[in-house]
């Protein structure tokens, strides 16, 4: 069995995390939702409400991925300490 340095394992896990998160992040960008004629671009209160509701939806999709990847990092760090 080949043992890899933690930094290499961490980089692989982080790359996988970014590959999974980036499409979700792109989906929730404000400008993807509406064009410049959207009233929320002219009304700061509406824009802020929109950002908050979109952020909550974004977090719901990201949290399971984040939890899984952090668990993998902890396992890798634990395996590194046992060597």
C-alpha atoms as a PDB file:
ATOM      1  CA  UNK A   1       0.000   0.000   0.000  1.00  0.00           C
ATOM      2  CA  UNK A   2       1.384   3.388  -1.009  1.00  0.00           C
ATOM      3  CA  UNK A   3       1.279   6.159   1.573  1.00  0.00           C
ATOM      4  CA  UNK A   4       0.948   9.669   0.210  1.00  0.00           C
ATOM      5  CA  UNK A   5       1.849  12.868   2.054  1.00  0.00           C
ATOM      6  CA  UNK A   6      -1.102  14.660   3.627  1.00  0.00           C
ATOM      7  CA  UNK A   7      -0.571  17.738   1.435  1.00  0.00           C
ATOM      8  CA  UNK A   8      -1.098  15.656  -1.691  1.00  0.00           C
ATOM      9  CA  UNK A   9      -4.236  14.019  -0.298  1.00  0.00           C
ATOM     10  CA  UNK A  10      -5.536  17.413   0.816  1.00  0.00           C
ATOM     11  CA  UNK A  11      -5.022  18.852  -2.669  1.00  0.00           C
ATOM     12  CA  UNK A  12      -6.944  15.975  -4.270  1.00  0.00           C
ATOM     13  CA  UNK A  13      -9.834  16.366  -1.803  1.00  0.00           C
ATOM     14  CA  UNK A  14      -9.955  20.138  -2.288  1.00  0.00           C
ATOM     15  CA  UNK A  15      -9.921  19.767  -6.080  1.00  0.00           C
ATOM     16  CA  UNK A  16     -12.843  17.340  -5.845  1.00  0.00           C
ATOM     17  CA  UNK A  17     -14.663  19.766  -3.537  1.00  0.00           C
ATOM     18  CA  UNK A  18     -14.219  22.633  -5.981  1.00  0.00           C
ATOM     19  CA  UNK A  19     -15.346  20.463  -8.894  1.00  0.00           C
ATOM     20  CA  UNK A  20     -18.575  19.700  -7.054  1.00  0.00           C
ATOM     21  CA  UNK A  21     -19.204  23.162  -5.619  1.00  0.00           C
ATOM     22  CA  UNK A  22     -18.438  25.379  -8.612  1.00  0.00           C
ATOM     23  CA  UNK A  23     -21.490  24.352 -10.697  1.00  0.00           C
ATOM     24  CA  UNK A  24     -23.726  24.995  -7.674  1.00  0.00           C
ATOM     25  CA  UNK A  25     -22.067  28.363  -7.049  1.00  0.00           C
ATOM     26  CA  UNK A  26     -22.574  29.347 -10.678  1.00  0.00           C
ATOM     27  CA  UNK A  27     -26.253  28.439 -10.417  1.00  0.00           C
ATOM     28  CA  UNK A  28     -26.783  30.898  -7.564  1.00  0.00           C
ATOM     29  CA  UNK A  29     -24.990  33.920  -8.969  1.00  0.00           C
ATOM     30  CA  UNK A  30     -27.348  36.890  -8.883  1.00  0.00           C
ATOM     31  CA  UNK A  31     -26.757  37.994 -12.458  1.00  0.00           C
ATOM     32  CA  UNK A  32     -27.719  34.548 -13.738  1.00  0.00           C
ATOM     33  CA  UNK A  33     -31.149  34.970 -12.209  1.00  0.00           C
ATOM     34  CA  UNK A  34     -32.174  38.235 -13.798  1.00  0.00           C
ATOM     35  CA  UNK A  35     -31.051  40.875 -16.231  1.00  0.00           C
ATOM     36  CA  UNK A  36     -30.250  44.515 -15.598  1.00  0.00           C
ATOM     37  CA  UNK A  37     -33.957  45.435 -15.993  1.00  0.00           C
ATOM     38  CA  UNK A  38     -34.899  43.386 -12.939  1.00  0.00           C
ATOM     39  CA  UNK A  39     -36.396  45.657 -10.225  1.00  0.00           C
ATOM     40  CA  UNK A  40     -34.091  44.205  -7.582  1.00  0.00           C
ATOM     41  CA  UNK A  41     -31.164  45.996  -9.280  1.00  0.00           C
ATOM     42  CA  UNK A  42     -32.932  49.292  -8.661  1.00  0.00           C
ATOM     43  CA  UNK A  43     -34.169  48.535  -5.142  1.00  0.00           C
ATOM     44  CA  UNK A  44     -31.430  47.751  -2.584  1.00  0.00           C
ATOM     45  CA  UNK A  45     -33.895  46.203  -0.105  1.00  0.00           C
ATOM     46  CA  UNK A  46     -35.247  43.752  -2.684  1.00  0.00           C
ATOM     47  CA  UNK A  47     -31.723  42.946  -3.808  1.00  0.00           C
ATOM     48  CA  UNK A  48     -30.635  42.200  -0.246  1.00  0.00           C
ATOM     49  CA  UNK A  49     -33.686  39.985   0.382  1.00  0.00           C
ATOM     50  CA  UNK A  50     -32.916  38.130  -2.818  1.00  0.00           C
ATOM     51  CA  UNK A  51     -29.298  37.578  -1.833  1.00  0.00           C
ATOM     52  CA  UNK A  52     -30.286  36.235   1.598  1.00  0.00           C
ATOM     53  CA  UNK A  53     -32.859  33.777   0.242  1.00  0.00           C
ATOM     54  CA  UNK A  54     -30.510  32.610  -2.509  1.00  0.00           C
ATOM     55  CA  UNK A  55     -27.665  32.213  -0.009  1.00  0.00           C
ATOM     56  CA  UNK A  56     -29.821  30.003   2.226  1.00  0.00           C
ATOM     57  CA  UNK A  57     -30.679  27.777  -0.767  1.00  0.00           C
ATOM     58  CA  UNK A  58     -27.019  27.727  -1.757  1.00  0.00           C
ATOM     59  CA  UNK A  59     -25.980  26.679   1.756  1.00  0.00           C
ATOM     60  CA  UNK A  60     -28.502  23.820   1.764  1.00  0.00           C
ATOM     61  CA  UNK A  61     -26.878  22.386  -1.366  1.00  0.00           C
ATOM     62  CA  UNK A  62     -23.292  23.033  -0.311  1.00  0.00           C
ATOM     63  CA  UNK A  63     -23.439  21.816   3.315  1.00  0.00           C
ATOM     64  CA  UNK A  64     -23.623  18.043   2.583  1.00  0.00           C
ATOM     65  CA  UNK A  65     -20.674  18.293   0.186  1.00  0.00           C
ATOM     66  CA  UNK A  66     -18.703  20.410   2.653  1.00  0.00           C
ATOM     67  CA  UNK A  67     -19.405  17.996   5.517  1.00  0.00           C
ATOM     68  CA  UNK A  68     -18.327  14.982   3.459  1.00  0.00           C
ATOM     69  CA  UNK A  69     -15.096  16.622   2.256  1.00  0.00           C
ATOM     70  CA  UNK A  70     -14.191  17.847   5.741  1.00  0.00           C
ATOM     71  CA  UNK A  71     -14.735  14.303   7.024  1.00  0.00           C
ATOM     72  CA  UNK A  72     -12.370  12.971   4.360  1.00  0.00           C
ATOM     73  CA  UNK A  73      -9.767  15.576   5.348  1.00  0.00           C
ATOM     74  CA  UNK A  74     -10.070  14.568   9.014  1.00  0.00           C
ATOM     75  CA  UNK A  75      -9.681  10.882   8.102  1.00  0.00           C
ATOM     76  CA  UNK A  76      -6.606  11.665   6.042  1.00  0.00           C
ATOM     77  CA  UNK A  77      -5.124  13.770   8.838  1.00  0.00           C
ATOM     78  CA  UNK A  78      -5.865  10.985  11.362  1.00  0.00           C
ATOM     79  CA  UNK A  79      -4.232   8.369   9.137  1.00  0.00           C
ATOM     80  CA  UNK A  80      -1.213  10.649   8.765  1.00  0.00           C
ATOM     81  CA  UNK A  81      -0.871  10.931  12.562  1.00  0.00           C
ATOM     82  CA  UNK A  82      -1.013   7.147  13.019  1.00  0.00           C
ATOM     83  CA  UNK A  83       2.048   6.574  10.856  1.00  0.00           C
END
